[in-house]
Amino acid sequence: MAQVFFTEEFARDGLNPYEAVLMASKESRRLNKIRLMNDLAEGEEKVTTLAMKRLVNKKIELSYGEGEAGDAASK
């Protein structure tokens, strides 16, 4: 069953929805790259769902440091 995420889940932490979408997309790409590099089959959940869950659970943080502005760093 598909899981629905609401922008209010991110807004309460001061994260704007645009940044949340960027962070989730970068995390999805990172997770998919790891999956492909390790030659793993797709799991029960899509990587986008996993990325959104990681964002909601604060396992991804936004940093404006060196490199690309708005890089999502995984914990």
C-alpha atoms as a PDB file:
ATOM      1  CA  MET A   1       0.000   0.000   0.000  1.00  0.00           C
ATOM      2  CA  ALA A   2       1.284   3.443  -0.860  1.00  0.00           C
ATOM      3  CA  GLN A   3       2.272   5.722   1.983  1.00  0.00           C
ATOM      4  CA  VAL A   4       1.291   9.386   1.902  1.00  0.00           C
ATOM      5  CA  PHE A   5       3.578  12.113   3.228  1.00  0.00           C
ATOM      6  CA  PHE A   6       2.331  15.622   3.993  1.00  0.00           C
ATOM      7  CA  THR A   7       4.352  18.835   3.864  1.00  0.00           C
ATOM      8  CA  GLU A   8       3.246  19.591   7.429  1.00  0.00           C
ATOM      9  CA  GLU A   9       5.553  16.787   8.571  1.00  0.00           C
ATOM     10  CA  PHE A  10       8.496  18.836   7.319  1.00  0.00           C
ATOM     11  CA  ALA A  11       7.209  22.344   8.001  1.00  0.00           C
ATOM     12  CA  ARG A  12       7.102  21.831  11.761  1.00  0.00           C
ATOM     13  CA  ASP A  13      10.887  21.411  11.701  1.00  0.00           C
ATOM     14  CA  GLY A  14      11.421  24.635   9.761  1.00  0.00           C
ATOM     15  CA  LEU A  15      12.175  22.840   6.490  1.00  0.00           C
ATOM     16  CA  ASN A  16      10.444  24.307   3.479  1.00  0.00           C
ATOM     17  CA  PRO A  17       8.706  21.869   1.085  1.00  0.00           C
ATOM     18  CA  TYR A  18      11.037  22.693  -1.826  1.00  0.00           C
ATOM     19  CA  GLU A  19      14.095  21.746   0.224  1.00  0.00           C
ATOM     20  CA  ALA A  20      12.334  18.596   1.440  1.00  0.00           C
ATOM     21  CA  VAL A  21      11.679  17.467  -2.137  1.00  0.00           C
ATOM     22  CA  LEU A  22      15.290  18.131  -3.127  1.00  0.00           C
ATOM     23  CA  MET A  23      16.609  16.245  -0.124  1.00  0.00           C
ATOM     24  CA  ALA A  24      14.329  13.267  -0.748  1.00  0.00           C
ATOM     25  CA  SER A  25      15.267  13.099  -4.431  1.00  0.00           C
ATOM     26  CA  LYS A  26      19.000  13.176  -3.652  1.00  0.00           C
ATOM     27  CA  GLU A  27      18.556  10.501  -1.000  1.00  0.00           C
ATOM     28  CA  SER A  28      16.539   8.371  -3.455  1.00  0.00           C
ATOM     29  CA  ARG A  29      19.330   8.612  -6.006  1.00  0.00           C
ATOM     30  CA  ARG A  30      21.918   7.715  -3.357  1.00  0.00           C
ATOM     31  CA  LEU A  31      19.937   4.682  -2.147  1.00  0.00           C
ATOM     32  CA  ASN A  32      19.300   3.487  -5.701  1.00  0.00           C
ATOM     33  CA  LYS A  33      22.977   3.862  -6.612  1.00  0.00           C
ATOM     34  CA  ILE A  34      23.959   1.733  -3.595  1.00  0.00           C
ATOM     35  CA  ARG A  35      21.364  -0.871  -4.579  1.00  0.00           C
ATOM     36  CA  LEU A  36      22.644  -1.034  -8.159  1.00  0.00           C
ATOM     37  CA  MET A  37      26.317  -1.120  -7.158  1.00  0.00           C
ATOM     38  CA  ASN A  38      25.654  -4.091  -4.863  1.00  0.00           C
ATOM     39  CA  ASP A  39      23.520  -5.816  -7.529  1.00  0.00           C
ATOM     40  CA  LEU A  40      20.541  -6.059  -5.175  1.00  0.00           C
ATOM     41  CA  ALA A  41      16.969  -6.637  -6.272  1.00  0.00           C
ATOM     42  CA  GLU A  42      14.350  -3.998  -5.594  1.00  0.00           C
ATOM     43  CA  GLY A  43      12.864  -4.306  -2.127  1.00  0.00           C
ATOM     44  CA  GLU A  44       9.236  -4.251  -1.095  1.00  0.00           C
ATOM     45  CA  GLU A  45       9.323  -0.460  -0.781  1.00  0.00           C
ATOM     46  CA  LYS A  46      10.413   1.955  -3.464  1.00  0.00           C
ATOM     47  CA  VAL A  47      13.587   3.931  -2.824  1.00  0.00           C
ATOM     48  CA  THR A  48      11.547   7.140  -2.942  1.00  0.00           C
ATOM     49  CA  THR A  49       9.376   5.886  -0.072  1.00  0.00           C
ATOM     50  CA  LEU A  50      12.475   4.909   1.901  1.00  0.00           C
ATOM     51  CA  ALA A  51      13.982   8.341   1.277  1.00  0.00           C
ATOM     52  CA  MET A  52      10.824  10.099   2.457  1.00  0.00           C
ATOM     53  CA  LYS A  53      10.720   7.952   5.595  1.00  0.00           C
ATOM     54  CA  ARG A  54      14.368   8.813   6.300  1.00  0.00           C
ATOM     55  CA  LEU A  55      13.536  12.488   5.863  1.00  0.00           C
ATOM     56  CA  VAL A  56      10.541  12.326   8.209  1.00  0.00           C
ATOM     57  CA  ASN A  57      12.590  10.390  10.785  1.00  0.00           C
ATOM     58  CA  LYS A  58      15.346  13.032  10.551  1.00  0.00           C
ATOM     59  CA  LYS A  59      17.977  10.626   9.261  1.00  0.00           C
ATOM     60  CA  ILE A  60      18.827  13.108   6.512  1.00  0.00           C
ATOM     61  CA  GLU A  61      20.011  16.619   7.245  1.00  0.00           C
ATOM     62  CA  LEU A  62      20.409  19.644   5.033  1.00  0.00           C
ATOM     63  CA  SER A  63      23.761  21.366   5.056  1.00  0.00           C
ATOM     64  CA  TYR A  64      24.939  24.493   3.299  1.00  0.00           C
ATOM     65  CA  GLY A  65      28.655  23.929   3.446  1.00  0.00           C
ATOM     66  CA  GLU A  66      31.299  23.065   0.932  1.00  0.00           C
ATOM     67  CA  GLY A  67      30.202  21.555  -2.355  1.00  0.00           C
ATOM     68  CA  GLU A  68      26.782  21.899  -3.884  1.00  0.00           C
ATOM     69  CA  ALA A  69      24.403  24.217  -2.039  1.00  0.00           C
ATOM     70  CA  GLY A  70      21.760  22.240  -0.200  1.00  0.00           C
ATOM     71  CA  ASP A  71      23.561  18.903  -0.156  1.00  0.00           C
ATOM     72  CA  ALA A  72      21.634  16.306   1.767  1.00  0.00           C
ATOM     73  CA  ALA A  73      23.852  14.464   4.183  1.00  0.00           C
ATOM     74  CA  SER A  74      22.761  11.046   5.371  1.00  0.00           C
ATOM     75  CA  LYS A  75      23.241   9.958   8.975  1.00  0.00           C
END
